[in-house]
Protein backbone atom coordinates (compact mmCIF):
# COMPACT_ATOMS: atom_id res chain seq x y z
CA MET A 1 -24.87 5.76 -24.67
CA ASN A 2 -26.37 6.59 -21.31
CA VAL A 3 -23.36 6.90 -18.73
CA SER A 4 -24.60 5.89 -15.13
CA ILE A 5 -24.07 8.60 -12.41
CA ASP A 6 -21.85 6.19 -10.43
CA ILE A 7 -19.88 5.03 -13.26
CA GLN A 8 -19.17 9.38 -14.13
CA GLU A 9 -18.73 9.77 -10.62
CA ARG A 10 -16.09 6.82 -10.54
CA ALA A 11 -14.44 8.21 -13.27
CA ALA A 12 -14.38 11.61 -12.46
CA ARG A 13 -12.67 10.37 -9.02
CA ALA A 14 -9.64 8.71 -11.03
CA ALA A 15 -8.99 11.36 -13.18
CA LEU A 16 -8.75 13.98 -10.21
CA ALA A 17 -6.33 10.94 -8.35
CA ARG A 18 -4.43 10.69 -11.38
CA PHE A 19 -3.41 14.26 -11.56
CA PHE A 20 -3.83 16.03 -8.14
CA PRO A 21 -3.19 15.03 -5.03
CA PRO A 22 -5.79 14.59 -2.50
CA ALA A 23 -5.36 17.98 -0.22
CA ASP A 24 -5.15 19.85 -3.50
CA VAL A 25 -8.90 18.94 -4.06
CA TRP A 26 -10.19 18.00 -0.82
CA ALA A 27 -11.85 21.58 -0.24
CA ASP A 28 -13.61 21.68 -3.57
CA LEU A 29 -14.73 18.32 -3.13
CA ALA A 30 -16.39 18.94 0.77
CA PHE A 31 -18.65 21.33 -1.13
CA ALA A 32 -19.34 19.86 -4.95
CA GLY A 33 -19.37 16.17 -6.29
CA PRO A 34 -16.73 14.57 -8.46
CA ILE A 35 -17.95 15.12 -11.73
CA GLU A 36 -18.06 19.21 -11.07
CA VAL A 37 -14.63 19.11 -9.70
CA TRP A 38 -13.41 17.33 -12.59
CA ALA A 39 -14.69 19.18 -15.54
CA GLN A 40 -13.93 22.86 -13.22
CA ARG A 41 -10.20 21.73 -13.11
CA ARG A 42 -9.58 20.10 -16.81
CA HIS A 43 -11.33 23.41 -17.52
CA ALA A 44 -8.85 25.63 -15.72
CA GLY A 45 -6.20 23.31 -16.56
CA ARG A 46 -2.75 25.06 -18.72
CA SER A 47 -1.27 21.70 -19.55
CA PRO A 48 -3.00 19.80 -22.69
CA ILE A 49 -2.76 16.13 -21.55
CA LEU A 50 -4.54 17.06 -18.37
CA ARG A 51 -7.61 18.97 -21.00
CA ASN A 52 -7.23 16.27 -23.38
CA HIS A 53 -7.72 13.34 -20.42
CA ASP A 54 -11.00 11.32 -21.24
CA ALA A 55 -12.03 10.17 -17.62
CA LEU A 56 -14.98 7.66 -18.86
CA ARG A 57 -12.17 6.09 -21.37
CA ALA A 58 -9.09 6.00 -19.32
CA LEU A 59 -11.59 4.01 -16.28
CA ARG A 60 -12.79 1.65 -19.01
CA GLU A 61 -9.25 1.04 -20.29
CA GLY A 62 -8.08 1.10 -16.52
CA GLN A 63 -10.16 -1.53 -15.83
CA LEU A 64 -9.37 -4.09 -18.18
CA SER A 65 -6.85 -5.24 -15.68
CA ALA A 66 -7.96 -4.02 -12.67
CA ARG A 67 -10.83 -1.81 -10.38
CA PHE A 68 -11.00 1.55 -9.07
CA ILE A 69 -12.27 1.59 -5.47
CA THR A 70 -13.15 4.85 -3.75
CA PRO A 71 -14.73 5.47 -0.14
CA ALA A 72 -18.47 5.25 -1.48
CA ASP A 73 -17.31 1.30 -1.97
CA GLY A 74 -17.39 -1.38 1.00
CA GLU A 75 -13.80 -2.05 -0.26
CA TYR A 76 -12.30 0.83 0.45
CA PRO A 77 -10.56 0.43 3.72
CA ARG A 78 -11.49 3.74 5.32
CA ARG A 79 -11.04 2.44 8.85
CA GLN A 80 -7.04 2.08 8.00
CA LEU A 81 -7.00 5.51 5.67
CA GLU A 82 -8.63 7.89 8.11
CA VAL A 83 -5.36 8.47 9.94
CA LEU A 84 -4.28 10.17 6.29
CA GLY A 85 -6.81 12.96 6.60
CA LYS A 86 -6.88 15.41 3.58
CA ASP A 87 -4.25 12.85 2.52
CA ALA A 88 -6.29 9.62 1.81
CA PRO A 89 -6.42 8.68 -1.09
CA LEU A 90 -9.42 9.46 -3.73
CA GLY A 91 -9.49 5.74 -4.54
CA LEU A 92 -7.45 3.09 -5.12
CA TRP A 93 -6.61 1.01 -8.08
CA VAL A 94 -6.89 -3.03 -6.90
CA ARG A 95 -6.08 -6.34 -8.50
CA GLY A 96 -6.82 -10.01 -7.11
CA GLU A 97 -9.81 -11.99 -5.64
CA ALA A 98 -9.72 -10.50 -2.22
CA ASN A 99 -11.25 -7.55 -0.36
CA LEU A 100 -8.74 -5.18 0.29
CA ALA A 101 -10.59 -3.59 3.71
CA GLN A 102 -10.75 -6.88 4.95
CA LEU A 103 -7.10 -7.80 4.84
CA ALA A 104 -6.19 -4.48 5.37
CA ILE A 105 -7.65 -4.38 9.09
CA ARG A 106 -5.71 -7.74 10.18
CA SER A 107 -2.41 -6.98 8.45
CA LEU A 108 1.48 -6.18 9.00
CA ALA A 109 3.49 -4.69 6.98
CA VAL A 110 6.80 -7.07 6.64
CA THR A 111 9.64 -4.47 5.46
CA GLY A 112 13.64 -5.08 5.72
CA SER A 113 16.89 -3.72 3.29
CA ARG A 114 17.28 -4.20 0.26
CA ALA A 115 20.12 -5.41 0.69
CA SER A 116 19.58 -8.43 2.75
CA THR A 117 22.16 -11.03 5.16
CA GLU A 118 22.03 -14.33 5.43
CA LYS A 119 20.77 -13.66 9.04
CA GLY A 120 18.41 -11.28 8.29
CA ARG A 121 16.54 -13.23 5.59
CA ALA A 122 16.53 -15.98 8.06
CA VAL A 123 14.60 -13.92 10.24
CA THR A 124 12.11 -12.39 7.91
CA SER A 125 11.14 -15.72 6.71
CA GLU A 126 10.72 -16.91 10.61
CA LEU A 127 8.88 -14.09 10.99
CA VAL A 128 5.97 -14.27 8.20
CA GLY A 129 5.72 -17.78 9.39
CA THR A 130 4.93 -16.73 12.63
CA LEU A 131 2.49 -14.00 11.80
CA ALA A 132 0.71 -16.57 9.12
CA SER A 133 0.03 -19.06 12.65
CA GLY A 134 -1.67 -16.07 13.94
CA GLY A 135 -3.78 -15.37 11.17
CA TYR A 136 -2.36 -11.75 9.88
CA ALA A 137 -2.02 -10.67 6.41
CA ILE A 138 1.23 -9.63 4.89
CA THR A 139 1.53 -5.93 3.30
CA THR A 140 4.54 -6.07 1.56
CA SER A 141 5.89 -5.13 -2.28
CA LEU A 142 7.90 -6.74 -5.01
CA ALA A 143 10.84 -5.16 -4.71
CA SER A 144 14.31 -6.87 -4.50
CA GLY A 145 15.71 -7.65 -0.71
CA HIS A 146 12.85 -8.58 2.28
CA ASP A 147 9.92 -7.16 0.54
CA LEU A 148 9.74 -9.98 -1.76
CA LEU A 149 11.19 -12.60 0.54
CA ALA A 150 8.05 -11.26 2.83
CA HIS A 151 5.67 -11.85 -0.05
CA GLU A 152 7.16 -15.14 -1.16
CA ALA A 153 7.40 -16.35 2.35
CA ALA A 154 3.05 -15.66 2.99
CA GLN A 155 2.82 -17.73 0.37
CA LYS A 156 4.62 -20.36 1.27
CA ALA A 157 3.14 -20.10 5.02
CA GLY A 158 -0.61 -19.76 3.70
CA ALA A 159 -1.12 -16.53 4.59
CA HIS A 160 -2.31 -13.68 2.04
CA SER A 161 -0.52 -10.49 0.68
CA VAL A 162 -1.56 -6.88 0.04
CA LEU A 163 0.68 -5.86 -2.15
CA VAL A 164 1.65 -2.13 -2.62
CA ILE A 165 2.65 -1.53 -5.74
CA PRO A 166 4.32 1.87 -6.95
CA ARG A 167 3.04 1.56 -10.86
CA GLY A 168 0.00 0.32 -12.61
CA LEU A 169 -1.27 -2.76 -11.59
CA ASP A 170 -1.13 -4.28 -15.58
CA VAL A 171 2.61 -5.44 -14.80
CA ALA A 172 4.84 -6.72 -12.31
CA PHE A 173 8.28 -5.50 -11.40
CA PRO A 174 10.48 -6.78 -11.33
CA THR A 175 9.51 -9.07 -13.79
CA ASP A 176 11.12 -11.94 -12.34
CA ALA A 177 8.28 -11.80 -9.30
CA LEU A 178 5.64 -12.14 -12.47
CA SER A 179 4.91 -15.33 -11.59
CA SER A 180 4.60 -15.27 -8.14
CA TYR A 181 2.53 -12.16 -8.18
CA ILE A 182 -0.49 -14.26 -10.40
CA LYS A 183 -0.14 -16.51 -8.10
CA ALA A 184 -0.89 -14.44 -5.10
CA LEU A 185 -3.63 -12.56 -7.32
CA HIS A 186 -5.38 -16.01 -7.64
CA ARG A 187 -4.96 -17.33 -3.88
CA GLY A 188 -7.06 -14.61 -1.60
CA SER A 189 -4.15 -12.41 -1.89
CA CYS A 190 -4.43 -8.67 -3.60
CA ALA A 191 -2.17 -5.51 -5.10
CA VAL A 192 -3.40 -1.95 -4.55
CA SER A 193 -1.58 1.20 -6.31
CA LEU A 194 -2.45 4.66 -6.38
CA ALA A 195 -1.41 5.01 -10.03
CA ALA A 196 -3.90 3.81 -12.93
CA PRO A 197 -3.00 1.37 -15.36
CA GLY A 198 -0.08 2.14 -17.48
CA VAL A 199 1.30 4.53 -15.28
CA GLU A 200 5.25 4.06 -14.90
CA CYS A 201 6.77 3.97 -11.13
CA ASN A 202 8.55 7.62 -10.35
CA GLY A 203 9.99 9.03 -7.30
CA HIS A 204 7.20 11.01 -6.00
CA LEU A 205 4.72 7.69 -6.74
CA LEU A 206 7.11 5.90 -4.62
CA HIS A 207 7.14 8.16 -1.56
CA ARG A 208 3.49 7.98 -1.56
CA HIS A 209 3.75 4.40 -1.25
CA LEU A 210 5.61 3.91 0.87
CA ARG A 211 3.51 6.22 3.55
CA LEU A 212 0.37 4.28 2.50
CA ARG A 213 2.27 0.88 3.37
CA ALA A 214 2.57 1.90 6.53
CA ALA A 215 -1.26 3.16 7.11
CA LEU A 216 -3.25 0.23 5.64
CA ALA A 217 -0.91 -1.78 7.59
CA THR A 218 -1.67 -1.55 11.87
CA GLY A 219 1.91 -1.84 12.51
CA VAL A 220 5.14 -2.49 10.88
CA VAL A 221 7.86 -4.29 11.31
CA ILE A 222 11.59 -4.00 10.49
CA THR A 223 13.39 -6.91 9.80
CA GLU A 224 16.68 -5.46 9.04
CA ALA A 225 17.36 -1.67 7.67
CA ASN A 226 20.14 -0.18 6.30
CA LEU A 227 20.86 3.44 7.04
CA GLY A 228 19.36 5.73 4.37
CA GLY A 229 17.55 2.67 3.58
CA ARG A 230 13.27 2.97 2.12
CA GLU A 231 12.74 0.61 5.32
CA LEU A 232 13.33 3.31 7.37
CA GLU A 233 11.11 6.21 5.57
CA ILE A 234 8.85 3.72 6.26
CA ALA A 235 9.39 4.06 9.77
CA ALA A 236 9.26 7.08 10.13
CA HIS A 237 5.91 7.19 8.40
CA ALA A 238 4.79 4.67 11.00
CA MET A 239 5.66 6.63 13.35
CA GLU A 240 3.76 9.83 12.58
CA LEU A 241 0.84 8.23 11.38
CA ARG A 242 0.69 6.38 15.08
CA ARG A 243 1.36 3.05 13.80
CA PRO A 244 2.93 0.03 16.06
CA LEU A 245 6.79 -0.08 15.49
CA LEU A 246 8.24 -3.33 15.87
CA VAL A 247 12.44 -4.40 15.15
CA ALA A 248 12.68 -8.38 14.63
CA ASP A 249 15.62 -8.98 17.64
CA GLY A 250 19.02 -10.12 16.25
CA VAL A 251 19.41 -8.36 13.30
CA GLY A 252 21.12 -4.98 14.54
CA SER A 253 19.14 -2.37 13.16
CA LYS A 254 17.34 -0.93 16.43
CA GLU A 255 20.59 1.89 16.58
CA LEU A 256 18.97 2.91 13.55
CA GLN A 257 16.78 6.46 13.22
CA PRO A 258 14.26 6.58 13.36
CA LEU A 259 14.48 3.01 14.98
CA LYS A 260 15.74 4.09 18.11
CA ASP A 261 11.93 3.91 19.73
CA ALA A 262 10.59 0.68 18.31
CA ARG A 263 9.52 -2.35 19.78
CA LEU A 264 11.99 -4.94 20.15
CA VAL A 265 9.84 -8.77 19.19
CA ALA A 266 11.16 -12.17 18.60
CA ALA A 267 10.89 -13.35 15.36
CA HIS A 268 9.13 -16.51 16.45
CA SER A 269 7.02 -15.45 19.32
CA LEU A 270 3.52 -14.53 18.42
CA ARG A 271 2.78 -13.40 21.97
CA ASP A 272 5.15 -10.50 22.04
CA ILE A 273 4.18 -9.12 18.31
CA ARG A 274 0.65 -9.35 19.57
CA VAL A 275 1.58 -7.18 22.67
CA ALA A 276 3.54 -4.94 20.73
CA ILE A 277 0.64 -3.98 18.05
CA GLU A 278 -1.85 -3.62 20.99
CA ALA A 279 0.30 -1.35 23.56
CA LYS A 280 -0.31 2.20 23.11
CA VAL A 281 1.70 4.11 20.43
CA PRO A 282 3.42 7.29 22.25
């Protein structure tokens, strides 16, 4: 059976993305196509898993539950991810009816600690409602605490979510978020991952996805933070990538590093948020 060049190139990119960080193959792809680069890397590989990987089969199996988009596709958020330079993803796995690029270009990442307080939860719900009234999509995840709360508040307010998931999109984790996850995908939201369906979460993937969340959004808002929390890692990525970093007023988080230079905003004030986002990042 003949396989189109487009499918072969997509499969090769998906395979390269699965086994290699983007920066490791960036120089090779500047001089050769993904099919050639994948063949070279696979042949030179020492791991039996790498050498025996069937790129076409893996792509077809993965696309039973998600689609793999590349920088050649209109849905790939090139404008947002160009800030990553050589670390920009070779491709992304996406699930849902929405166009990722269209949502990302007008989205804000909302995150906070997993150990949320009653006051912090109220701030997150109010903030997401304010953003929804301004037409913003909410970039978040399904992690317990403020991430999941931001997603659920977005759905309640009629806003769309961009769910950045550090594992294959064939499953929802935690499992108690499954119903909300499936409904969102059919109501104008989408999920995105660097991992192919079937791949489990690990520490390396988690850190890469926290950086992806900061890059995809036009700004990052912290609603509540704790020392050592992952929300602070997202904040650090936002500052590094020169994304506006905002802290919601009233939750006592601004004294934590790296939030000391963040802009304080009122959760109820769309004007405050817009001014903070549009201000030049130092």
